[in-house]
């Protein structure tokens, strides 16, 4: 039987690219939040299972894990990819508590506790791999996206905590930090980013594509980083480099 992978937020963007790539070697369970048509398209193309999951919902998180175990009996890989941006970019002086709560619930609390459920099973299973897809916003302050940055910074620490806790038990945790990736999330500001990249924002003078993140997940899934527990992979065109 193929190894089993759960990919959250698999219907579009980065998650779709990850699910498409993993489907070559894994039985993929992809979650979606709002776009049933996109999720059904993925299922038709790959044969993967699709499940609606509101990550902020404890019941939905339990349902995803239970569905994997009831159908396949194991979970070999969890990719915590799903996330959302704030609904409106507002200065940190104006941003609302409601927006803060929504992003913390979906981008931080949801993946953290989904990982708790998966990790308990992986410990009993004796093996597993977990990937957290965070963002360069985990360490890059954008004052009109405060709640997003805070949620991703917290998720980065969640990844580190799980890596430290699980590594002694052959459950390996990794963090992938995407840079500026061409997805629906940046559509409104894509032109601005393209201009800044051309002007030198990134050492590699191109915007990232979802497949760039999928390739990093592939390296983890295939075991090429199995002696690198807790590793942070900056898939960002060199954005993280500090130069003078």
C-alpha atoms as a PDB file:
ATOM      1  CA  UNK A   1       0.000   0.000   0.000  1.00  0.00           C
ATOM      2  CA  UNK A   2       1.141   3.527  -0.722  1.00  0.00           C
ATOM      3  CA  UNK A   3       2.139   5.698   2.252  1.00  0.00           C
ATOM      4  CA  UNK A   4      -0.626   8.032   3.366  1.00  0.00           C
ATOM      5  CA  UNK A   5      -0.325  11.828   3.308  1.00  0.00           C
ATOM      6  CA  UNK A   6      -2.690  14.489   4.611  1.00  0.00           C
ATOM      7  CA  UNK A   7      -2.334  17.865   2.887  1.00  0.00           C
ATOM      8  CA  UNK A   8      -4.398  20.707   4.305  1.00  0.00           C
ATOM      9  CA  UNK A   9      -5.557  23.457   1.987  1.00  0.00           C
ATOM     10  CA  UNK A  10      -4.995  21.190  -0.999  1.00  0.00           C
ATOM     11  CA  UNK A  11      -7.525  22.600  -3.443  1.00  0.00           C
ATOM     12  CA  UNK A  12      -5.544  25.634  -4.652  1.00  0.00           C
ATOM     13  CA  UNK A  13      -2.149  27.282  -4.805  1.00  0.00           C
ATOM     14  CA  UNK A  14       0.721  25.771  -2.863  1.00  0.00           C
ATOM     15  CA  UNK A  15      -1.408  23.001  -1.388  1.00  0.00           C
ATOM     16  CA  UNK A  16      -2.608  21.875  -4.798  1.00  0.00           C
ATOM     17  CA  UNK A  17       0.946  21.707  -6.126  1.00  0.00           C
ATOM     18  CA  UNK A  18       1.985  19.650  -3.095  1.00  0.00           C
ATOM     19  CA  UNK A  19      -0.969  17.283  -3.455  1.00  0.00           C
ATOM     20  CA  UNK A  20      -0.379  16.822  -7.190  1.00  0.00           C
ATOM     21  CA  UNK A  21       3.243  15.926  -6.627  1.00  0.00           C
ATOM     22  CA  UNK A  22       2.650  13.619  -3.648  1.00  0.00           C
ATOM     23  CA  UNK A  23      -0.139  11.771  -5.444  1.00  0.00           C
ATOM     24  CA  UNK A  24       2.519  10.087  -7.605  1.00  0.00           C
ATOM     25  CA  UNK A  25       3.771   8.128  -4.601  1.00  0.00           C
ATOM     26  CA  UNK A  26       1.269   8.596  -1.764  1.00  0.00           C
ATOM     27  CA  UNK A  27      -2.381   8.125  -1.086  1.00  0.00           C
ATOM     28  CA  UNK A  28      -3.312  11.766  -0.517  1.00  0.00           C
ATOM     29  CA  UNK A  29      -6.107  13.072   1.656  1.00  0.00           C
ATOM     30  CA  UNK A  30      -6.563  16.721   0.746  1.00  0.00           C
ATOM     31  CA  UNK A  31      -8.598  19.145   2.781  1.00  0.00           C
ATOM     32  CA  UNK A  32     -10.364  22.226   1.498  1.00  0.00           C
ATOM     33  CA  UNK A  33     -12.294  25.035   3.120  1.00  0.00           C
ATOM     34  CA  UNK A  34     -14.470  26.851   0.603  1.00  0.00           C
ATOM     35  CA  UNK A  35     -13.838  25.822  -3.008  1.00  0.00           C
ATOM     36  CA  UNK A  36     -15.547  22.481  -3.533  1.00  0.00           C
ATOM     37  CA  UNK A  37     -15.146  22.779  -7.300  1.00  0.00           C
ATOM     38  CA  UNK A  38     -11.381  23.139  -6.999  1.00  0.00           C
ATOM     39  CA  UNK A  39     -11.209  20.220  -4.559  1.00  0.00           C
ATOM     40  CA  UNK A  40     -13.291  18.011  -6.863  1.00  0.00           C
ATOM     41  CA  UNK A  41     -11.011  18.925  -9.760  1.00  0.00           C
ATOM     42  CA  UNK A  42      -8.001  17.820  -7.714  1.00  0.00           C
ATOM     43  CA  UNK A  43      -9.696  14.543  -6.797  1.00  0.00           C
ATOM     44  CA  UNK A  44     -10.601  13.882 -10.426  1.00  0.00           C
ATOM     45  CA  UNK A  45      -7.036  14.543 -11.569  1.00  0.00           C
ATOM     46  CA  UNK A  46      -5.228  12.564  -8.871  1.00  0.00           C
ATOM     47  CA  UNK A  47      -7.651  10.106  -7.268  1.00  0.00           C
ATOM     48  CA  UNK A  48      -7.008  11.629  -3.865  1.00  0.00           C
ATOM     49  CA  UNK A  49      -9.644  11.832  -1.146  1.00  0.00           C
ATOM     50  CA  UNK A  50     -11.055  15.267  -0.361  1.00  0.00           C
ATOM     51  CA  UNK A  51     -12.533  16.401   2.923  1.00  0.00           C
ATOM     52  CA  UNK A  52     -13.914  19.744   3.950  1.00  0.00           C
ATOM     53  CA  UNK A  53     -12.105  20.987   7.040  1.00  0.00           C
ATOM     54  CA  UNK A  54     -12.400  24.211   8.960  1.00  0.00           C
ATOM     55  CA  UNK A  55      -9.083  24.089  10.786  1.00  0.00           C
ATOM     56  CA  UNK A  56     -10.396  26.290  13.576  1.00  0.00           C
ATOM     57  CA  UNK A  57     -12.953  23.555  14.378  1.00  0.00           C
ATOM     58  CA  UNK A  58     -11.845  20.812  16.802  1.00  0.00           C
ATOM     59  CA  UNK A  59     -14.506  18.485  15.395  1.00  0.00           C
ATOM     60  CA  UNK A  60     -13.281  18.964  11.830  1.00  0.00           C
ATOM     61  CA  UNK A  61      -9.686  18.267  12.853  1.00  0.00           C
ATOM     62  CA  UNK A  62     -10.679  15.029  14.561  1.00  0.00           C
ATOM     63  CA  UNK A  63     -12.757  14.054  11.516  1.00  0.00           C
ATOM     64  CA  UNK A  64      -9.791  14.397   9.165  1.00  0.00           C
ATOM     65  CA  UNK A  65      -7.529  12.219  11.299  1.00  0.00           C
ATOM     66  CA  UNK A  66     -10.246   9.646  11.882  1.00  0.00           C
ATOM     67  CA  UNK A  67     -11.048   9.476   8.160  1.00  0.00           C
ATOM     68  CA  UNK A  68      -7.420   8.703   7.348  1.00  0.00           C
ATOM     69  CA  UNK A  69      -7.131   6.037  10.010  1.00  0.00           C
ATOM     70  CA  UNK A  70     -10.477   4.398   9.289  1.00  0.00           C
ATOM     71  CA  UNK A  71      -9.785   4.100   5.556  1.00  0.00           C
ATOM     72  CA  UNK A  72      -6.021   3.505   5.477  1.00  0.00           C
ATOM     73  CA  UNK A  73      -4.984   2.610   9.033  1.00  0.00           C
ATOM     74  CA  UNK A  74      -1.972   4.928   9.110  1.00  0.00           C
ATOM     75  CA  UNK A  75      -0.665   8.455   8.532  1.00  0.00           C
ATOM     76  CA  UNK A  76       2.849   8.754   7.169  1.00  0.00           C
ATOM     77  CA  UNK A  77       2.988  12.445   6.313  1.00  0.00           C
ATOM     78  CA  UNK A  78       1.089  15.513   7.483  1.00  0.00           C
ATOM     79  CA  UNK A  79       1.558  18.730   5.530  1.00  0.00           C
ATOM     80  CA  UNK A  80       0.183  21.705   7.457  1.00  0.00           C
ATOM     81  CA  UNK A  81      -0.287  23.981   4.473  1.00  0.00           C
ATOM     82  CA  UNK A  82      -3.711  25.581   4.885  1.00  0.00           C
ATOM     83  CA  UNK A  83      -3.776  29.193   5.928  1.00  0.00           C
ATOM     84  CA  UNK A  84      -5.489  32.460   5.212  1.00  0.00           C
ATOM     85  CA  UNK A  85      -4.588  36.103   4.897  1.00  0.00           C
ATOM     86  CA  UNK A  86      -6.472  38.855   6.632  1.00  0.00           C
ATOM     87  CA  UNK A  87      -9.637  39.920   4.840  1.00  0.00           C
ATOM     88  CA  UNK A  88      -8.500  43.540   4.738  1.00  0.00           C
ATOM     89  CA  UNK A  89      -5.021  45.008   4.966  1.00  0.00           C
ATOM     90  CA  UNK A  90      -5.169  47.567   7.758  1.00  0.00           C
ATOM     91  CA  UNK A  91      -2.460  49.367   9.671  1.00  0.00           C
ATOM     92  CA  UNK A  92      -1.614  47.701  12.969  1.00  0.00           C
ATOM     93  CA  UNK A  93      -3.162  50.737  14.690  1.00  0.00           C
ATOM     94  CA  UNK A  94      -6.515  49.996  13.037  1.00  0.00           C
ATOM     95  CA  UNK A  95      -6.687  46.203  12.676  1.00  0.00           C
ATOM     96  CA  UNK A  96      -9.494  44.526  14.587  1.00  0.00           C
ATOM     97  CA  UNK A  97      -9.537  41.885  17.289  1.00  0.00           C
ATOM     98  CA  UNK A  98     -11.957  39.870  15.153  1.00  0.00           C
ATOM     99  CA  UNK A  99      -9.402  39.645  12.347  1.00  0.00           C
ATOM    100  CA  UNK A 100      -6.657  38.741  14.821  1.00  0.00           C
ATOM    101  CA  UNK A 101      -8.767  35.965  16.352  1.00  0.00           C
ATOM    102  CA  UNK A 102      -9.700  34.554  12.943  1.00  0.00           C
ATOM    103  CA  UNK A 103      -6.109  34.315  11.743  1.00  0.00           C
ATOM    104  CA  UNK A 104      -4.790  32.876  14.999  1.00  0.00           C
ATOM    105  CA  UNK A 105      -7.545  30.248  14.973  1.00  0.00           C
ATOM    106  CA  UNK A 106      -6.949  29.181  11.377  1.00  0.00           C
ATOM    107  CA  UNK A 107      -3.224  29.742  10.863  1.00  0.00           C
ATOM    108  CA  UNK A 108      -1.844  28.775  14.282  1.00  0.00           C
ATOM    109  CA  UNK A 109      -4.276  27.031  16.606  1.00  0.00           C
ATOM    110  CA  UNK A 110      -5.699  24.759  13.900  1.00  0.00           C
ATOM    111  CA  UNK A 111      -2.388  23.379  12.580  1.00  0.00           C
ATOM    112  CA  UNK A 112      -0.930  23.098  16.083  1.00  0.00           C
ATOM    113  CA  UNK A 113      -3.740  20.909  17.347  1.00  0.00           C
ATOM    114  CA  UNK A 114      -4.123  18.947  14.110  1.00  0.00           C
ATOM    115  CA  UNK A 115      -0.460  18.077  14.568  1.00  0.00           C
ATOM    116  CA  UNK A 116      -1.167  16.971  18.126  1.00  0.00           C
ATOM    117  CA  UNK A 117      -3.739  14.477  16.839  1.00  0.00           C
ATOM    118  CA  UNK A 118      -1.491  13.188  14.060  1.00  0.00           C
ATOM    119  CA  UNK A 119       1.560  13.022  16.318  1.00  0.00           C
ATOM    120  CA  UNK A 120      -0.190  10.822  18.865  1.00  0.00           C
ATOM    121  CA  UNK A 121      -0.889   8.305  16.129  1.00  0.00           C
ATOM    122  CA  UNK A 122       2.595   8.561  14.626  1.00  0.00           C
ATOM    123  CA  UNK A 123       4.148   7.870  18.020  1.00  0.00           C
ATOM    124  CA  UNK A 124       2.141   4.656  18.273  1.00  0.00           C
ATOM    125  CA  UNK A 125       2.995   3.852  14.679  1.00  0.00           C
ATOM    126  CA  UNK A 126       6.702   4.387  15.330  1.00  0.00           C
ATOM    127  CA  UNK A 127       7.369   6.776  12.466  1.00  0.00           C
ATOM    128  CA  UNK A 128       6.094   9.758  10.544  1.00  0.00           C
ATOM    129  CA  UNK A 129       6.946  13.089   8.992  1.00  0.00           C
ATOM    130  CA  UNK A 130       5.265  16.445   9.556  1.00  0.00           C
ATOM    131  CA  UNK A 131       5.727  19.618   7.542  1.00  0.00           C
ATOM    132  CA  UNK A 132       4.681  23.110   8.596  1.00  0.00           C
ATOM    133  CA  UNK A 133       4.340  25.579   5.733  1.00  0.00           C
ATOM    134  CA  UNK A 134       4.881  28.959   7.365  1.00  0.00           C
ATOM    135  CA  UNK A 135       6.102  32.106   5.577  1.00  0.00           C
ATOM    136  CA  UNK A 136       8.856  34.683   5.439  1.00  0.00           C
ATOM    137  CA  UNK A 137       6.269  36.664   7.419  1.00  0.00           C
ATOM    138  CA  UNK A 138       7.326  34.554  10.416  1.00  0.00           C
ATOM    139  CA  UNK A 139      10.224  37.002  10.793  1.00  0.00           C
ATOM    140  CA  UNK A 140       9.431  39.868   8.388  1.00  0.00           C
ATOM    141  CA  UNK A 141       7.315  42.667   9.871  1.00  0.00           C
ATOM    142  CA  UNK A 142       4.621  44.068   7.586  1.00  0.00           C
ATOM    143  CA  UNK A 143       2.647  46.639   9.531  1.00  0.00           C
ATOM    144  CA  UNK A 144      -0.507  46.259   7.405  1.00  0.00           C
ATOM    145  CA  UNK A 145      -0.519  42.489   7.952  1.00  0.00           C
ATOM    146  CA  UNK A 146       0.167  42.284  11.672  1.00  0.00           C
ATOM    147  CA  UNK A 147      -2.208  39.437  12.454  1.00  0.00           C
ATOM    148  CA  UNK A 148      -0.859  37.344   9.583  1.00  0.00           C
ATOM    149  CA  UNK A 149       2.757  37.899  10.631  1.00  0.00           C
ATOM    150  CA  UNK A 150       1.999  37.048  14.254  1.00  0.00           C
ATOM    151  CA  UNK A 151       0.160  33.858  13.271  1.00  0.00           C
ATOM    152  CA  UNK A 152       3.063  32.693  11.115  1.00  0.00           C
ATOM    153  CA  UNK A 153       5.660  33.553  13.757  1.00  0.00           C
ATOM    154  CA  UNK A 154       3.680  31.470  16.228  1.00  0.00           C
ATOM    155  CA  UNK A 155       3.409  28.620  13.743  1.00  0.00           C
ATOM    156  CA  UNK A 156       7.184  28.651  13.318  1.00  0.00           C
ATOM    157  CA  UNK A 157       7.569  28.124  17.067  1.00  0.00           C
ATOM    158  CA  UNK A 158       4.943  25.384  16.987  1.00  0.00           C
ATOM    159  CA  UNK A 159       7.047  23.583  14.383  1.00  0.00           C
ATOM    160  CA  UNK A 160      10.144  23.895  16.559  1.00  0.00           C
ATOM    161  CA  UNK A 161       8.322  22.585  19.621  1.00  0.00           C
ATOM    162  CA  UNK A 162       6.940  19.578  17.773  1.00  0.00           C
ATOM    163  CA  UNK A 163      10.332  18.875  16.205  1.00  0.00           C
ATOM    164  CA  UNK A 164      12.020  18.829  19.612  1.00  0.00           C
ATOM    165  CA  UNK A 165       9.313  16.688  21.195  1.00  0.00           C
ATOM    166  CA  UNK A 166       8.997  14.100  18.446  1.00  0.00           C
ATOM    167  CA  UNK A 167      12.510  13.673  17.025  1.00  0.00           C
ATOM    168  CA  UNK A 168      13.591  11.096  19.667  1.00  0.00           C
ATOM    169  CA  UNK A 169      10.716   8.882  18.501  1.00  0.00           C
ATOM    170  CA  UNK A 170      11.408   8.830  14.750  1.00  0.00           C
ATOM    171  CA  UNK A 171       8.699  11.370  13.991  1.00  0.00           C
ATOM    172  CA  UNK A 172      10.452  14.129  12.076  1.00  0.00           C
ATOM    173  CA  UNK A 173       9.157  17.682  11.823  1.00  0.00           C
ATOM    174  CA  UNK A 174      10.241  20.336   9.332  1.00  0.00           C
ATOM    175  CA  UNK A 175       9.368  23.937   8.566  1.00  0.00           C
ATOM    176  CA  UNK A 176       9.162  25.333   5.051  1.00  0.00           C
ATOM    177  CA  UNK A 177       9.180  29.127   4.774  1.00  0.00           C
ATOM    178  CA  UNK A 178       7.871  30.189   1.377  1.00  0.00           C
ATOM    179  CA  UNK A 179       8.783  33.604   0.083  1.00  0.00           C
ATOM    180  CA  UNK A 180       6.740  35.510  -2.470  1.00  0.00           C
ATOM    181  CA  UNK A 181       4.834  32.766  -4.272  1.00  0.00           C
ATOM    182  CA  UNK A 182       2.471  33.285  -7.200  1.00  0.00           C
ATOM    183  CA  UNK A 183      -0.905  32.274  -5.734  1.00  0.00           C
ATOM    184  CA  UNK A 184      -4.383  33.744  -5.289  1.00  0.00           C
ATOM    185  CA  UNK A 185      -3.264  35.155  -1.936  1.00  0.00           C
ATOM    186  CA  UNK A 186      -1.015  37.758  -3.557  1.00  0.00           C
ATOM    187  CA  UNK A 187      -3.078  38.430  -6.701  1.00  0.00           C
ATOM    188  CA  UNK A 188      -3.999  41.954  -5.643  1.00  0.00           C
ATOM    189  CA  UNK A 189      -0.360  42.972  -5.141  1.00  0.00           C
ATOM    190  CA  UNK A 190       1.338  40.680  -7.667  1.00  0.00           C
ATOM    191  CA  UNK A 191       2.296  43.511 -10.033  1.00  0.00           C
ATOM    192  CA  UNK A 192       3.895  45.457  -7.189  1.00  0.00           C
ATOM    193  CA  UNK A 193       5.906  42.416  -6.141  1.00  0.00           C
ATOM    194  CA  UNK A 194       7.040  41.760  -9.711  1.00  0.00           C
ATOM    195  CA  UNK A 195       8.341  45.318  -9.966  1.00  0.00           C
ATOM    196  CA  UNK A 196      10.168  45.080  -6.630  1.00  0.00           C
ATOM    197  CA  UNK A 197      11.709  41.728  -7.547  1.00  0.00           C
ATOM    198  CA  UNK A 198      12.945  43.158 -10.865  1.00  0.00           C
ATOM    199  CA  UNK A 199      14.461  46.048  -8.864  1.00  0.00           C
ATOM    200  CA  UNK A 200      16.431  43.669  -6.653  1.00  0.00           C
ATOM    201  CA  UNK A 201      14.176  42.613  -3.766  1.00  0.00           C
ATOM    202  CA  UNK A 202      15.233  38.975  -4.253  1.00  0.00           C
ATOM    203  CA  UNK A 203      18.735  37.708  -5.061  1.00  0.00           C
ATOM    204  CA  UNK A 204      17.074  35.291  -7.488  1.00  0.00           C
ATOM    205  CA  UNK A 205      15.201  37.630  -9.798  1.00  0.00           C
ATOM    206  CA  UNK A 206      11.932  35.751 -10.065  1.00  0.00           C
ATOM    207  CA  UNK A 207       8.786  35.152  -8.112  1.00  0.00           C
ATOM    208  CA  UNK A 208       8.369  31.712  -6.612  1.00  0.00           C
ATOM    209  CA  UNK A 209       5.885  29.208  -7.991  1.00  0.00           C
ATOM    210  CA  UNK A 210       3.833  26.656  -6.019  1.00  0.00           C
ATOM    211  CA  UNK A 211       5.906  23.852  -7.535  1.00  0.00           C
ATOM    212  CA  UNK A 212       8.986  25.267  -5.782  1.00  0.00           C
ATOM    213  CA  UNK A 213       7.363  24.482  -2.436  1.00  0.00           C
ATOM    214  CA  UNK A 214       6.135  21.099  -3.669  1.00  0.00           C
ATOM    215  CA  UNK A 215       9.718  20.124  -4.513  1.00  0.00           C
ATOM    216  CA  UNK A 216      10.827  20.885  -0.956  1.00  0.00           C
ATOM    217  CA  UNK A 217       7.995  18.736   0.422  1.00  0.00           C
ATOM    218  CA  UNK A 218       9.040  15.998  -1.990  1.00  0.00           C
ATOM    219  CA  UNK A 219      12.579  15.997  -0.579  1.00  0.00           C
ATOM    220  CA  UNK A 220      11.146  15.546   2.910  1.00  0.00           C
ATOM    221  CA  UNK A 221       8.640  12.893   1.843  1.00  0.00           C
ATOM    222  CA  UNK A 222      11.362  10.865   0.109  1.00  0.00           C
ATOM    223  CA  UNK A 223      13.542  10.866   3.204  1.00  0.00           C
ATOM    224  CA  UNK A 224      16.383  13.026   1.921  1.00  0.00           C
ATOM    225  CA  UNK A 225      16.255  15.153   5.086  1.00  0.00           C
ATOM    226  CA  UNK A 226      15.793  12.378   7.607  1.00  0.00           C
ATOM    227  CA  UNK A 227      18.863  13.463   9.586  1.00  0.00           C
ATOM    228  CA  UNK A 228      17.756  17.087   9.725  1.00  0.00           C
ATOM    229  CA  UNK A 229      14.909  17.121  12.247  1.00  0.00           C
ATOM    230  CA  UNK A 230      13.614  20.622  12.857  1.00  0.00           C
ATOM    231  CA  UNK A 231      15.257  22.032   9.743  1.00  0.00           C
ATOM    232  CA  UNK A 232      13.888  25.295   8.344  1.00  0.00           C
ATOM    233  CA  UNK A 233      13.859  25.366   4.551  1.00  0.00           C
ATOM    234  CA  UNK A 234      13.806  28.909   3.172  1.00  0.00           C
ATOM    235  CA  UNK A 235      12.190  28.544  -0.253  1.00  0.00           C
ATOM    236  CA  UNK A 236      12.308  32.253  -0.962  1.00  0.00           C
ATOM    237  CA  UNK A 237      14.652  33.080  -3.804  1.00  0.00           C
ATOM    238  CA  UNK A 238      17.317  34.105  -1.316  1.00  0.00           C
ATOM    239  CA  UNK A 239      15.151  36.676   0.510  1.00  0.00           C
ATOM    240  CA  UNK A 240      16.542  35.532   3.869  1.00  0.00           C
ATOM    241  CA  UNK A 241      20.097  36.468   2.917  1.00  0.00           C
ATOM    242  CA  UNK A 242      21.531  39.548   4.589  1.00  0.00           C
ATOM    243  CA  UNK A 243      23.967  41.433   2.418  1.00  0.00           C
ATOM    244  CA  UNK A 244      25.809  44.730   2.511  1.00  0.00           C
END
